[in-house]
Amino acid sequence: MNSSKNNKYLGVDLNLCKFIGKGYEGKVYLLPDEKRVIKVYKSPKGCRGEAKILLSVDNNPYFPRIYAYNNICMIREYVPGICITKYLKTHELSRKLAINIVKLIESFKSEGFKKLDIRCAHIFVQPDESLKVIDPRRVFEKKISYPRSILETLKKSGHLQQFMEILKEEYPELHKKWGHKYKKHR
């Protein structure tokens, strides 16, 4: 990973920040204001790719806002909450959350994403059951026409049947389309 000699990126001293996680693309630190994070990437390509996506969805409430970036790091809005995989281990799937999942996927479509899926580790449930996404990748490149990973997570957590029932009631066309594709790929 590239680093500066004084451990500063975009004027932020990482020694004053709290390390909150590490993933495939890099490390994330919570800034002292606790409203923003800085993500330091392993490669410029990863930083540019995520910045391109987040800048393209700047007004979308499902994604964090970018404040600054360069070739190796990005300062963006902090996304609190619980990742949906962990959330579903201790909470029931409410109708509101199920509908918010559908609205999230539909927002992907309206943003022109080719990939209508995302790893559930990157979807965070907020206290009001709204959703926020971190680390979107390859959404304009890789074609996935339904939320395969999300449906698989719902299945593993024991909530798929309930989700599909809500989907059938609220979005019958999507129920038919997603249900058919999911069965085909299982």
N, C-alpha and C. Protein backbone atom coordinates (compact mmCIF):
# COMPACT_ATOMS: atom_id res chain seq x y z
N MET A 1 0.84 -1.18 0.00
CA MET A 1 0.00 0.00 0.00
C MET A 1 0.88 1.23 0.00
N ASN A 2 0.56 2.19 -0.84
CA ASN A 2 1.32 3.43 -0.86
C ASN A 2 1.09 4.18 0.44
N SER A 3 2.09 4.85 0.92
CA SER A 3 1.91 5.67 2.12
C SER A 3 2.80 6.88 2.03
N SER A 4 2.43 7.91 2.75
CA SER A 4 3.28 9.08 2.79
C SER A 4 4.17 8.96 4.01
N LYS A 5 5.29 9.66 3.97
CA LYS A 5 6.27 9.57 5.05
C LYS A 5 5.70 10.03 6.39
N ASN A 6 4.83 11.02 6.37
CA ASN A 6 4.31 11.55 7.62
C ASN A 6 2.92 11.02 7.97
N ASN A 7 2.45 9.99 7.28
CA ASN A 7 1.17 9.35 7.56
C ASN A 7 -0.02 10.32 7.35
N LYS A 8 0.13 11.25 6.40
CA LYS A 8 -0.95 12.19 6.09
C LYS A 8 -1.44 11.96 4.67
N TYR A 9 -2.75 12.03 4.52
CA TYR A 9 -3.39 11.89 3.22
C TYR A 9 -4.45 12.98 3.13
N LEU A 10 -4.44 13.71 2.04
CA LEU A 10 -5.38 14.83 1.85
C LEU A 10 -5.41 15.74 3.09
N GLY A 11 -4.26 15.92 3.70
CA GLY A 11 -4.16 16.77 4.88
C GLY A 11 -4.65 16.14 6.17
N VAL A 12 -5.01 14.87 6.13
CA VAL A 12 -5.52 14.17 7.31
C VAL A 12 -4.40 13.33 7.91
N ASP A 13 -4.12 13.53 9.18
CA ASP A 13 -3.12 12.73 9.90
C ASP A 13 -3.81 11.46 10.40
N LEU A 14 -3.46 10.33 9.84
CA LEU A 14 -4.09 9.07 10.22
C LEU A 14 -3.86 8.72 11.69
N ASN A 15 -2.82 9.27 12.28
CA ASN A 15 -2.57 9.02 13.71
C ASN A 15 -3.66 9.61 14.60
N LEU A 16 -4.42 10.57 14.07
CA LEU A 16 -5.51 11.19 14.82
C LEU A 16 -6.87 10.53 14.51
N CYS A 17 -6.86 9.54 13.66
CA CYS A 17 -8.09 8.87 13.23
C CYS A 17 -8.19 7.49 13.86
N LYS A 18 -9.41 6.99 13.91
CA LYS A 18 -9.66 5.64 14.44
C LYS A 18 -9.78 4.66 13.27
N PHE A 19 -8.95 3.63 13.28
CA PHE A 19 -9.03 2.58 12.27
C PHE A 19 -10.34 1.83 12.46
N ILE A 20 -11.16 1.71 11.39
CA ILE A 20 -12.44 1.01 11.55
C ILE A 20 -12.59 -0.21 10.64
N GLY A 21 -11.68 -0.40 9.70
CA GLY A 21 -11.82 -1.59 8.89
C GLY A 21 -10.86 -1.66 7.74
N LYS A 22 -10.77 -2.88 7.21
CA LYS A 22 -9.87 -3.15 6.10
C LYS A 22 -10.60 -4.10 5.16
N GLY A 23 -10.50 -3.84 3.88
CA GLY A 23 -11.13 -4.70 2.90
C GLY A 23 -10.20 -4.96 1.74
N TYR A 24 -10.76 -5.49 0.69
CA TYR A 24 -9.99 -5.84 -0.50
C TYR A 24 -9.29 -4.61 -1.10
N GLU A 25 -9.98 -3.47 -1.11
CA GLU A 25 -9.47 -2.27 -1.77
C GLU A 25 -8.55 -1.42 -0.90
N GLY A 26 -8.68 -1.51 0.44
CA GLY A 26 -7.85 -0.65 1.29
C GLY A 26 -8.30 -0.61 2.73
N LYS A 27 -7.84 0.42 3.44
CA LYS A 27 -8.14 0.59 4.86
C LYS A 27 -8.98 1.84 5.06
N VAL A 28 -9.86 1.80 6.09
CA VAL A 28 -10.77 2.90 6.36
C VAL A 28 -10.56 3.39 7.79
N TYR A 29 -10.51 4.71 7.92
CA TYR A 29 -10.30 5.35 9.21
C TYR A 29 -11.40 6.38 9.45
N LEU A 30 -11.92 6.43 10.67
CA LEU A 30 -12.92 7.41 11.05
C LEU A 30 -12.20 8.70 11.45
N LEU A 31 -12.59 9.80 10.83
CA LEU A 31 -11.99 11.09 11.16
C LEU A 31 -12.46 11.55 12.54
N PRO A 32 -11.71 12.43 13.18
CA PRO A 32 -12.08 12.89 14.52
C PRO A 32 -13.49 13.50 14.63
N ASP A 33 -14.02 14.06 13.53
CA ASP A 33 -15.37 14.63 13.59
C ASP A 33 -16.46 13.55 13.66
N GLU A 34 -16.07 12.29 13.43
CA GLU A 34 -16.97 11.13 13.45
C GLU A 34 -18.12 11.21 12.46
N LYS A 35 -17.97 12.08 11.44
CA LYS A 35 -18.98 12.21 10.39
C LYS A 35 -18.42 11.82 9.03
N ARG A 36 -17.09 11.71 8.97
CA ARG A 36 -16.44 11.38 7.71
C ARG A 36 -15.40 10.28 7.95
N VAL A 37 -15.07 9.59 6.86
CA VAL A 37 -14.01 8.59 6.91
C VAL A 37 -13.01 8.92 5.80
N ILE A 38 -11.82 8.39 5.98
CA ILE A 38 -10.84 8.44 4.90
C ILE A 38 -10.50 7.01 4.56
N LYS A 39 -10.57 6.70 3.29
CA LYS A 39 -10.23 5.37 2.82
C LYS A 39 -8.92 5.49 2.03
N VAL A 40 -7.93 4.71 2.45
CA VAL A 40 -6.63 4.69 1.78
C VAL A 40 -6.57 3.40 0.98
N TYR A 41 -6.45 3.55 -0.33
CA TYR A 41 -6.54 2.42 -1.26
C TYR A 41 -5.19 1.76 -1.49
N LYS A 42 -5.26 0.50 -1.88
CA LYS A 42 -4.06 -0.25 -2.25
C LYS A 42 -3.55 0.19 -3.62
N SER A 43 -4.48 0.62 -4.48
CA SER A 43 -4.08 1.01 -5.83
C SER A 43 -4.89 2.22 -6.31
N PRO A 44 -4.27 3.04 -7.16
CA PRO A 44 -5.00 4.17 -7.74
C PRO A 44 -6.23 3.73 -8.53
N LYS A 45 -6.15 2.57 -9.19
CA LYS A 45 -7.28 2.08 -9.98
C LYS A 45 -8.53 1.88 -9.10
N GLY A 46 -8.34 1.31 -7.91
CA GLY A 46 -9.46 1.11 -6.99
C GLY A 46 -10.06 2.42 -6.54
N CYS A 47 -9.22 3.38 -6.24
CA CYS A 47 -9.69 4.69 -5.79
C CYS A 47 -10.47 5.39 -6.92
N ARG A 48 -9.88 5.41 -8.10
CA ARG A 48 -10.55 6.06 -9.23
C ARG A 48 -11.89 5.40 -9.55
N GLY A 49 -11.92 4.06 -9.51
CA GLY A 49 -13.15 3.35 -9.82
C GLY A 49 -14.28 3.66 -8.84
N GLU A 50 -13.96 3.64 -7.54
CA GLU A 50 -15.00 3.94 -6.56
C GLU A 50 -15.41 5.41 -6.61
N ALA A 51 -14.44 6.30 -6.81
CA ALA A 51 -14.76 7.73 -6.92
C ALA A 51 -15.70 7.97 -8.10
N LYS A 52 -15.42 7.34 -9.22
CA LYS A 52 -16.26 7.50 -10.42
C LYS A 52 -17.71 7.10 -10.11
N ILE A 53 -17.87 5.98 -9.44
CA ILE A 53 -19.22 5.51 -9.11
C ILE A 53 -19.90 6.47 -8.15
N LEU A 54 -19.21 6.81 -7.05
CA LEU A 54 -19.83 7.67 -6.04
C LEU A 54 -20.13 9.07 -6.57
N LEU A 55 -19.28 9.60 -7.43
CA LEU A 55 -19.56 10.90 -8.03
C LEU A 55 -20.76 10.83 -8.97
N SER A 56 -20.95 9.70 -9.63
CA SER A 56 -22.08 9.56 -10.55
C SER A 56 -23.42 9.45 -9.82
N VAL A 57 -23.39 9.08 -8.54
CA VAL A 57 -24.63 8.93 -7.76
C VAL A 57 -24.69 9.96 -6.63
N ASP A 58 -24.09 11.11 -6.88
CA ASP A 58 -23.91 12.14 -5.85
C ASP A 58 -25.19 12.51 -5.10
N ASN A 59 -26.33 12.51 -5.76
CA ASN A 59 -27.58 12.89 -5.09
C ASN A 59 -28.43 11.70 -4.68
N ASN A 60 -27.91 10.51 -4.79
CA ASN A 60 -28.65 9.30 -4.43
C ASN A 60 -28.52 9.06 -2.93
N PRO A 61 -29.63 8.98 -2.20
CA PRO A 61 -29.57 8.84 -0.74
C PRO A 61 -29.01 7.50 -0.25
N TYR A 62 -28.83 6.55 -1.15
CA TYR A 62 -28.32 5.23 -0.75
C TYR A 62 -26.79 5.18 -0.67
N PHE A 63 -26.11 6.23 -1.15
CA PHE A 63 -24.66 6.22 -1.23
C PHE A 63 -24.05 7.37 -0.44
N PRO A 64 -22.84 7.15 0.10
CA PRO A 64 -22.17 8.23 0.84
C PRO A 64 -21.66 9.32 -0.09
N ARG A 65 -21.63 10.52 0.41
CA ARG A 65 -21.14 11.67 -0.33
C ARG A 65 -19.62 11.71 -0.26
N ILE A 66 -18.98 12.09 -1.37
CA ILE A 66 -17.52 12.28 -1.41
C ILE A 66 -17.22 13.74 -1.10
N TYR A 67 -16.22 13.97 -0.24
CA TYR A 67 -15.77 15.32 0.07
C TYR A 67 -14.48 15.67 -0.66
N ALA A 68 -13.58 14.71 -0.82
CA ALA A 68 -12.32 14.94 -1.51
C ALA A 68 -11.71 13.59 -1.88
N TYR A 69 -10.90 13.58 -2.94
CA TYR A 69 -10.18 12.36 -3.30
C TYR A 69 -8.99 12.73 -4.18
N ASN A 70 -8.06 11.80 -4.24
CA ASN A 70 -6.94 11.90 -5.16
C ASN A 70 -6.69 10.50 -5.70
N ASN A 71 -5.50 10.19 -6.13
CA ASN A 71 -5.24 8.87 -6.72
C ASN A 71 -5.15 7.73 -5.72
N ILE A 72 -5.01 8.03 -4.43
CA ILE A 72 -4.76 6.95 -3.47
C ILE A 72 -5.71 6.97 -2.27
N CYS A 73 -6.50 8.02 -2.11
CA CYS A 73 -7.41 8.05 -0.96
C CYS A 73 -8.64 8.90 -1.24
N MET A 74 -9.62 8.72 -0.38
CA MET A 74 -10.89 9.42 -0.52
C MET A 74 -11.44 9.76 0.86
N ILE A 75 -11.92 10.98 1.00
CA ILE A 75 -12.67 11.36 2.20
C ILE A 75 -14.13 11.36 1.80
N ARG A 76 -14.92 10.59 2.52
CA ARG A 76 -16.35 10.50 2.21
C ARG A 76 -17.16 10.47 3.50
N GLU A 77 -18.45 10.58 3.34
CA GLU A 77 -19.38 10.52 4.46
C GLU A 77 -19.24 9.18 5.18
N TYR A 78 -19.28 9.22 6.51
CA TYR A 78 -19.27 8.01 7.32
C TYR A 78 -20.65 7.37 7.26
N VAL A 79 -20.68 6.05 7.07
CA VAL A 79 -21.93 5.30 7.04
C VAL A 79 -21.99 4.43 8.29
N PRO A 80 -22.77 4.85 9.28
CA PRO A 80 -22.93 4.00 10.47
C PRO A 80 -23.93 2.89 10.18
N GLY A 81 -24.36 2.21 11.20
CA GLY A 81 -25.37 1.16 11.03
C GLY A 81 -24.75 -0.22 11.14
N ILE A 82 -25.56 -1.20 10.79
CA ILE A 82 -25.15 -2.61 10.88
C ILE A 82 -25.26 -3.20 9.49
N CYS A 83 -24.25 -3.96 9.08
CA CYS A 83 -24.36 -4.58 7.76
C CYS A 83 -25.56 -5.52 7.77
N ILE A 84 -26.24 -5.60 6.65
CA ILE A 84 -27.51 -6.31 6.57
C ILE A 84 -27.38 -7.79 6.93
N THR A 85 -26.22 -8.39 6.64
CA THR A 85 -26.01 -9.80 6.98
C THR A 85 -26.09 -9.99 8.49
N LYS A 86 -25.40 -9.15 9.24
CA LYS A 86 -25.43 -9.23 10.71
C LYS A 86 -26.80 -8.83 11.25
N TYR A 87 -27.40 -7.83 10.63
CA TYR A 87 -28.71 -7.34 11.06
C TYR A 87 -29.75 -8.47 11.01
N LEU A 88 -29.75 -9.23 9.93
CA LEU A 88 -30.75 -10.29 9.76
C LEU A 88 -30.54 -11.48 10.68
N LYS A 89 -29.38 -11.55 11.32
CA LYS A 89 -29.13 -12.62 12.30
C LYS A 89 -29.86 -12.35 13.61
N THR A 90 -30.15 -11.08 13.89
CA THR A 90 -30.77 -10.72 15.18
C THR A 90 -32.10 -9.99 15.04
N HIS A 91 -32.51 -9.71 13.81
CA HIS A 91 -33.77 -8.99 13.57
C HIS A 91 -34.60 -9.74 12.54
N GLU A 92 -35.89 -9.55 12.62
CA GLU A 92 -36.80 -10.07 11.61
C GLU A 92 -36.74 -9.16 10.38
N LEU A 93 -37.15 -9.69 9.27
CA LEU A 93 -37.26 -8.90 8.05
C LEU A 93 -38.63 -8.23 8.06
N SER A 94 -38.66 -6.94 8.27
CA SER A 94 -39.93 -6.21 8.27
C SER A 94 -40.33 -5.91 6.83
N ARG A 95 -41.59 -5.59 6.64
CA ARG A 95 -42.09 -5.19 5.32
C ARG A 95 -41.34 -3.94 4.86
N LYS A 96 -41.11 -3.01 5.78
CA LYS A 96 -40.41 -1.77 5.43
C LYS A 96 -39.00 -2.07 4.93
N LEU A 97 -38.26 -2.94 5.61
CA LEU A 97 -36.91 -3.27 5.18
C LEU A 97 -36.93 -3.99 3.83
N ALA A 98 -37.86 -4.90 3.65
CA ALA A 98 -37.98 -5.62 2.37
C ALA A 98 -38.22 -4.64 1.22
N ILE A 99 -39.12 -3.70 1.44
CA ILE A 99 -39.41 -2.69 0.40
C ILE A 99 -38.19 -1.80 0.17
N ASN A 100 -37.46 -1.47 1.24
CA ASN A 100 -36.25 -0.66 1.08
C ASN A 100 -35.18 -1.40 0.30
N ILE A 101 -35.11 -2.71 0.43
CA ILE A 101 -34.17 -3.51 -0.37
C ILE A 101 -34.54 -3.39 -1.85
N VAL A 102 -35.83 -3.52 -2.14
CA VAL A 102 -36.28 -3.41 -3.54
C VAL A 102 -35.99 -2.01 -4.08
N LYS A 103 -36.27 -0.99 -3.28
CA LYS A 103 -36.02 0.39 -3.73
C LYS A 103 -34.53 0.63 -3.97
N LEU A 104 -33.68 0.02 -3.16
CA LEU A 104 -32.24 0.13 -3.36
C LEU A 104 -31.86 -0.45 -4.73
N ILE A 105 -32.33 -1.65 -5.02
CA ILE A 105 -32.02 -2.30 -6.29
C ILE A 105 -32.59 -1.50 -7.46
N GLU A 106 -33.78 -0.99 -7.29
CA GLU A 106 -34.39 -0.18 -8.35
C GLU A 106 -33.60 1.11 -8.57
N SER A 107 -33.00 1.65 -7.50
CA SER A 107 -32.16 2.85 -7.66
C SER A 107 -30.91 2.52 -8.46
N PHE A 108 -30.38 1.30 -8.30
CA PHE A 108 -29.24 0.87 -9.11
C PHE A 108 -29.62 0.96 -10.59
N LYS A 109 -30.80 0.44 -10.90
CA LYS A 109 -31.28 0.44 -12.28
C LYS A 109 -31.44 1.87 -12.80
N SER A 110 -32.04 2.73 -11.99
CA SER A 110 -32.26 4.12 -12.44
C SER A 110 -30.96 4.90 -12.58
N GLU A 111 -29.90 4.48 -11.90
CA GLU A 111 -28.59 5.12 -12.03
C GLU A 111 -27.81 4.59 -13.23
N GLY A 112 -28.38 3.59 -13.93
CA GLY A 112 -27.73 3.04 -15.10
C GLY A 112 -26.71 1.95 -14.81
N PHE A 113 -26.76 1.39 -13.59
CA PHE A 113 -25.85 0.30 -13.25
C PHE A 113 -26.19 -0.93 -14.09
N LYS A 114 -25.18 -1.61 -14.56
CA LYS A 114 -25.37 -2.91 -15.21
C LYS A 114 -25.48 -4.00 -14.16
N LYS A 115 -24.84 -3.78 -13.04
CA LYS A 115 -24.80 -4.76 -11.95
C LYS A 115 -25.87 -4.37 -10.92
N LEU A 116 -26.98 -5.12 -10.91
CA LEU A 116 -28.08 -4.84 -9.99
C LEU A 116 -27.95 -5.70 -8.73
N ASP A 117 -26.74 -5.85 -8.25
CA ASP A 117 -26.46 -6.66 -7.08
C ASP A 117 -25.26 -6.05 -6.36
N ILE A 118 -25.14 -6.37 -5.09
CA ILE A 118 -24.00 -5.91 -4.30
C ILE A 118 -23.84 -6.88 -3.13
N ARG A 119 -22.62 -7.06 -2.69
CA ARG A 119 -22.38 -7.92 -1.52
C ARG A 119 -23.10 -7.33 -0.32
N CYS A 120 -23.76 -8.16 0.44
CA CYS A 120 -24.53 -7.69 1.59
C CYS A 120 -23.65 -7.10 2.68
N ALA A 121 -22.38 -7.46 2.71
CA ALA A 121 -21.44 -6.85 3.66
C ALA A 121 -21.28 -5.36 3.39
N HIS A 122 -21.72 -4.90 2.22
CA HIS A 122 -21.59 -3.50 1.85
C HIS A 122 -22.91 -2.73 1.94
N ILE A 123 -23.95 -3.37 2.48
CA ILE A 123 -25.24 -2.70 2.68
C ILE A 123 -25.45 -2.54 4.18
N PHE A 124 -25.64 -1.29 4.63
CA PHE A 124 -25.80 -1.01 6.05
C PHE A 124 -27.22 -0.55 6.36
N VAL A 125 -27.82 -1.21 7.35
CA VAL A 125 -29.17 -0.87 7.80
C VAL A 125 -29.05 0.24 8.83
N GLN A 126 -29.82 1.31 8.62
CA GLN A 126 -29.86 2.44 9.54
C GLN A 126 -30.96 2.22 10.58
N PRO A 127 -30.95 2.97 11.67
CA PRO A 127 -31.97 2.77 12.72
C PRO A 127 -33.42 2.83 12.22
N ASP A 128 -33.68 3.61 11.17
CA ASP A 128 -35.04 3.72 10.62
C ASP A 128 -35.30 2.69 9.51
N GLU A 129 -34.40 1.72 9.36
CA GLU A 129 -34.46 0.65 8.36
C GLU A 129 -34.21 1.13 6.93
N SER A 130 -33.73 2.37 6.79
CA SER A 130 -33.27 2.79 5.46
C SER A 130 -31.92 2.11 5.24
N LEU A 131 -31.43 2.17 4.01
CA LEU A 131 -30.21 1.46 3.65
C LEU A 131 -29.18 2.42 3.07
N LYS A 132 -27.91 2.11 3.32
CA LYS A 132 -26.80 2.85 2.74
C LYS A 132 -25.79 1.84 2.23
N VAL A 133 -25.16 2.15 1.12
CA VAL A 133 -24.20 1.26 0.48
C VAL A 133 -22.79 1.84 0.61
N ILE A 134 -21.84 0.97 0.93
CA ILE A 134 -20.43 1.36 0.88
C ILE A 134 -19.73 0.48 -0.15
N ASP A 135 -18.62 0.91 -0.64
CA ASP A 135 -17.76 0.13 -1.53
C ASP A 135 -18.44 -0.43 -2.78
N PRO A 136 -19.15 0.39 -3.55
CA PRO A 136 -19.69 -0.12 -4.81
C PRO A 136 -18.55 -0.39 -5.79
N ARG A 137 -18.63 -1.50 -6.50
CA ARG A 137 -17.57 -1.87 -7.44
C ARG A 137 -18.15 -2.40 -8.74
N ARG A 138 -17.51 -2.04 -9.82
CA ARG A 138 -17.78 -2.59 -11.15
C ARG A 138 -19.26 -2.54 -11.56
N VAL A 139 -19.98 -1.52 -11.11
CA VAL A 139 -21.41 -1.45 -11.37
C VAL A 139 -21.75 -1.09 -12.82
N PHE A 140 -20.79 -0.47 -13.52
CA PHE A 140 -21.03 -0.11 -14.91
C PHE A 140 -20.40 -1.13 -15.87
N GLU A 141 -19.67 -2.10 -15.32
CA GLU A 141 -18.94 -3.05 -16.15
C GLU A 141 -19.54 -4.44 -16.14
N LYS A 142 -19.78 -4.97 -14.96
CA LYS A 142 -20.22 -6.36 -14.81
C LYS A 142 -21.75 -6.43 -14.84
N LYS A 143 -22.31 -7.24 -15.74
CA LYS A 143 -23.77 -7.32 -15.86
C LYS A 143 -24.32 -8.42 -14.95
N ILE A 144 -25.15 -8.01 -14.02
CA ILE A 144 -25.94 -8.92 -13.18
C ILE A 144 -27.32 -8.28 -13.10
N SER A 145 -28.32 -8.95 -13.65
CA SER A 145 -29.63 -8.33 -13.86
C SER A 145 -30.63 -8.52 -12.71
N TYR A 146 -30.18 -9.10 -11.60
CA TYR A 146 -31.06 -9.25 -10.44
C TYR A 146 -30.17 -9.36 -9.19
N PRO A 147 -30.73 -9.18 -8.00
CA PRO A 147 -29.92 -9.15 -6.77
C PRO A 147 -29.56 -10.53 -6.24
N ARG A 148 -28.73 -11.24 -6.96
CA ARG A 148 -28.36 -12.62 -6.63
C ARG A 148 -27.77 -12.75 -5.22
N SER A 149 -26.78 -11.95 -4.88
CA SER A 149 -26.14 -12.03 -3.56
C SER A 149 -27.11 -11.70 -2.43
N ILE A 150 -27.95 -10.72 -2.68
CA ILE A 150 -28.93 -10.31 -1.67
C ILE A 150 -29.93 -11.44 -1.43
N LEU A 151 -30.42 -12.05 -2.49
CA LEU A 151 -31.36 -13.17 -2.34
C LEU A 151 -30.69 -14.35 -1.63
N GLU A 152 -29.43 -14.59 -1.93
CA GLU A 152 -28.70 -15.68 -1.27
C GLU A 152 -28.55 -15.39 0.23
N THR A 153 -28.26 -14.15 0.58
CA THR A 153 -28.16 -13.77 2.00
C THR A 153 -29.50 -13.94 2.69
N LEU A 154 -30.57 -13.54 2.03
CA LEU A 154 -31.92 -13.71 2.60
C LEU A 154 -32.23 -15.18 2.80
N LYS A 155 -31.80 -16.01 1.87
CA LYS A 155 -32.02 -17.46 2.00
C LYS A 155 -31.25 -18.01 3.21
N LYS A 156 -29.97 -17.67 3.30
CA LYS A 156 -29.13 -18.17 4.39
C LYS A 156 -29.64 -17.72 5.76
N SER A 157 -30.24 -16.53 5.82
CA SER A 157 -30.75 -16.01 7.10
C SER A 157 -32.16 -16.50 7.42
N GLY A 158 -32.76 -17.25 6.49
CA GLY A 158 -34.11 -17.76 6.71
C GLY A 158 -35.21 -16.77 6.39
N HIS A 159 -34.90 -15.71 5.65
CA HIS A 159 -35.88 -14.66 5.35
C HIS A 159 -36.31 -14.62 3.89
N LEU A 160 -35.81 -15.52 3.06
CA LEU A 160 -36.10 -15.45 1.63
C LEU A 160 -37.59 -15.63 1.33
N GLN A 161 -38.21 -16.61 1.94
CA GLN A 161 -39.62 -16.85 1.65
C GLN A 161 -40.47 -15.63 2.01
N GLN A 162 -40.21 -15.06 3.17
CA GLN A 162 -40.96 -13.87 3.58
C GLN A 162 -40.71 -12.72 2.62
N PHE A 163 -39.45 -12.53 2.21
CA PHE A 163 -39.12 -11.47 1.25
C PHE A 163 -39.87 -11.69 -0.05
N MET A 164 -39.88 -12.92 -0.55
CA MET A 164 -40.55 -13.21 -1.82
C MET A 164 -42.06 -12.99 -1.72
N GLU A 165 -42.64 -13.28 -0.56
CA GLU A 165 -44.07 -13.03 -0.37
C GLU A 165 -44.37 -11.53 -0.42
N ILE A 166 -43.54 -10.74 0.24
CA ILE A 166 -43.71 -9.28 0.21
C ILE A 166 -43.49 -8.76 -1.21
N LEU A 167 -42.47 -9.29 -1.87
CA LEU A 167 -42.19 -8.89 -3.25
C LEU A 167 -43.38 -9.20 -4.15
N LYS A 168 -43.98 -10.37 -3.97
CA LYS A 168 -45.13 -10.76 -4.80
C LYS A 168 -46.31 -9.81 -4.59
N GLU A 169 -46.53 -9.39 -3.34
CA GLU A 169 -47.63 -8.47 -3.04
C GLU A 169 -47.36 -7.06 -3.55
N GLU A 170 -46.16 -6.57 -3.35
CA GLU A 170 -45.83 -5.18 -3.65
C GLU A 170 -45.30 -4.95 -5.06
N TYR A 171 -44.55 -5.90 -5.59
CA TYR A 171 -43.89 -5.77 -6.89
C TYR A 171 -44.01 -7.08 -7.66
N PRO A 172 -45.22 -7.43 -8.13
CA PRO A 172 -45.44 -8.74 -8.76
C PRO A 172 -44.55 -9.00 -9.98
N GLU A 173 -44.25 -7.99 -10.77
CA GLU A 173 -43.38 -8.19 -11.94
C GLU A 173 -41.96 -8.56 -11.52
N LEU A 174 -41.45 -7.88 -10.49
CA LEU A 174 -40.11 -8.20 -10.00
C LEU A 174 -40.09 -9.58 -9.35
N HIS A 175 -41.17 -9.94 -8.67
CA HIS A 175 -41.26 -11.26 -8.04
C HIS A 175 -41.10 -12.35 -9.10
N LYS A 176 -41.80 -12.17 -10.19
CA LYS A 176 -41.74 -13.15 -11.28
C LYS A 176 -40.33 -13.19 -11.88
N LYS A 177 -39.78 -12.02 -12.17
CA LYS A 177 -38.47 -11.92 -12.82
C LYS A 177 -37.35 -12.43 -11.89
N TRP A 178 -37.28 -11.90 -10.67
CA TRP A 178 -36.20 -12.28 -9.75
C TRP A 178 -36.33 -13.72 -9.31
N GLY A 179 -37.56 -14.17 -9.04
CA GLY A 179 -37.77 -15.55 -8.61
C GLY A 179 -37.32 -16.54 -9.67
N HIS A 180 -37.66 -16.25 -10.91
CA HIS A 180 -37.27 -17.13 -12.02
C HIS A 180 -35.76 -17.19 -12.17
N LYS A 181 -35.10 -16.03 -12.16
CA LYS A 181 -33.65 -15.99 -12.33
C LYS A 181 -32.95 -16.66 -11.14
N TYR A 182 -33.44 -16.43 -9.96
CA TYR A 182 -32.81 -17.01 -8.77
C TYR A 182 -32.87 -18.53 -8.81
N LYS A 183 -34.04 -19.06 -9.16
CA LYS A 183 -34.19 -20.52 -9.25
C LYS A 183 -33.26 -21.12 -10.30
N LYS A 184 -33.09 -20.38 -11.38
CA LYS A 184 -32.24 -20.84 -12.48
C LYS A 184 -30.75 -20.92 -12.07
N HIS A 185 -30.32 -20.04 -11.18
CA HIS A 185 -28.90 -19.97 -10.81
C HIS A 185 -28.58 -20.73 -9.52
N ARG A 186 -29.54 -21.32 -8.89
CA ARG A 186 -29.27 -22.03 -7.63
C ARG A 186 -28.72 -23.39 -7.88
